[in-house]
Amino acid sequence: MSLDSTLVRIDEISRLFAPPLAPTAPPPPASAGATSFARALSQAGEAPAASGLPGGGNQRMVSLAQAEVGQTEQPRGSNNSARIAEYRSAVPGGPIGPWCAYFASWVAREAGMPLGDRGQGFARVDDVWAWAQRNGRATPAGPNVTPRPGDLIIWDEHMGIVESVRPDGSIQTIEGNSSDQVARRVHPGGGGNAVGFVRMS
């Protein structure tokens, strides 16, 4: 997916969450680049809750993650690509390696909700969970626990972002480094064998 098509998709997603208010000017063409991207993030933050999504940062988390679905390692199995290097930039000095925590750290930073006491992001899933526990953000998984869209879901050595909770209680996620790509997955209600959830707001 090219940068221009990603920016166009972010603009489309932002408009889906926007309430029907007074008519607005049409979006600029994709070539507007950073301006279009900044406006899309701004609109996502201003829109009220929709389709069960909490407003603000959680909504931005979901929108940003959705725009990355399909990004793949180049070559496959390398834990790397130009886009994955961008995810690693959210964790200064992070080495090339398993990147699900890089992806979550990047999405959180871009959504204005950076992970870590200093917003430094994390290269390891265990460090994300330890930080969440210290800061009262960790919720252990269980059959009576329902995450919110935009929360992080934590497993042993893997993590993702909750996209939605389906009517049957199953949890749809967007995960970095899932079969060498950013991919959607569905898990049993309560998180299945997940360790827990990190509340982002």
Foldseek 3Di string as FASTA:
>chain_A
DDQLVLLVQLLVLLVVQADPDPDDDDQDHSVVRPVSNVVSLVSQQPGCDDPQAHGALLSQLLSNLVSFFPAFAVVHPFLDDPVLVQLCVQAPPDDRDQRQQSNSQNSCVVSVQHQDPVSRTDRWLVVSQVSLVVVVFWDFFDQPDADHFSKKWAAVGFIFGFNDQDPQQWTWTFTQPDSRGGHIDIGHHSRHRTRTIGDRD
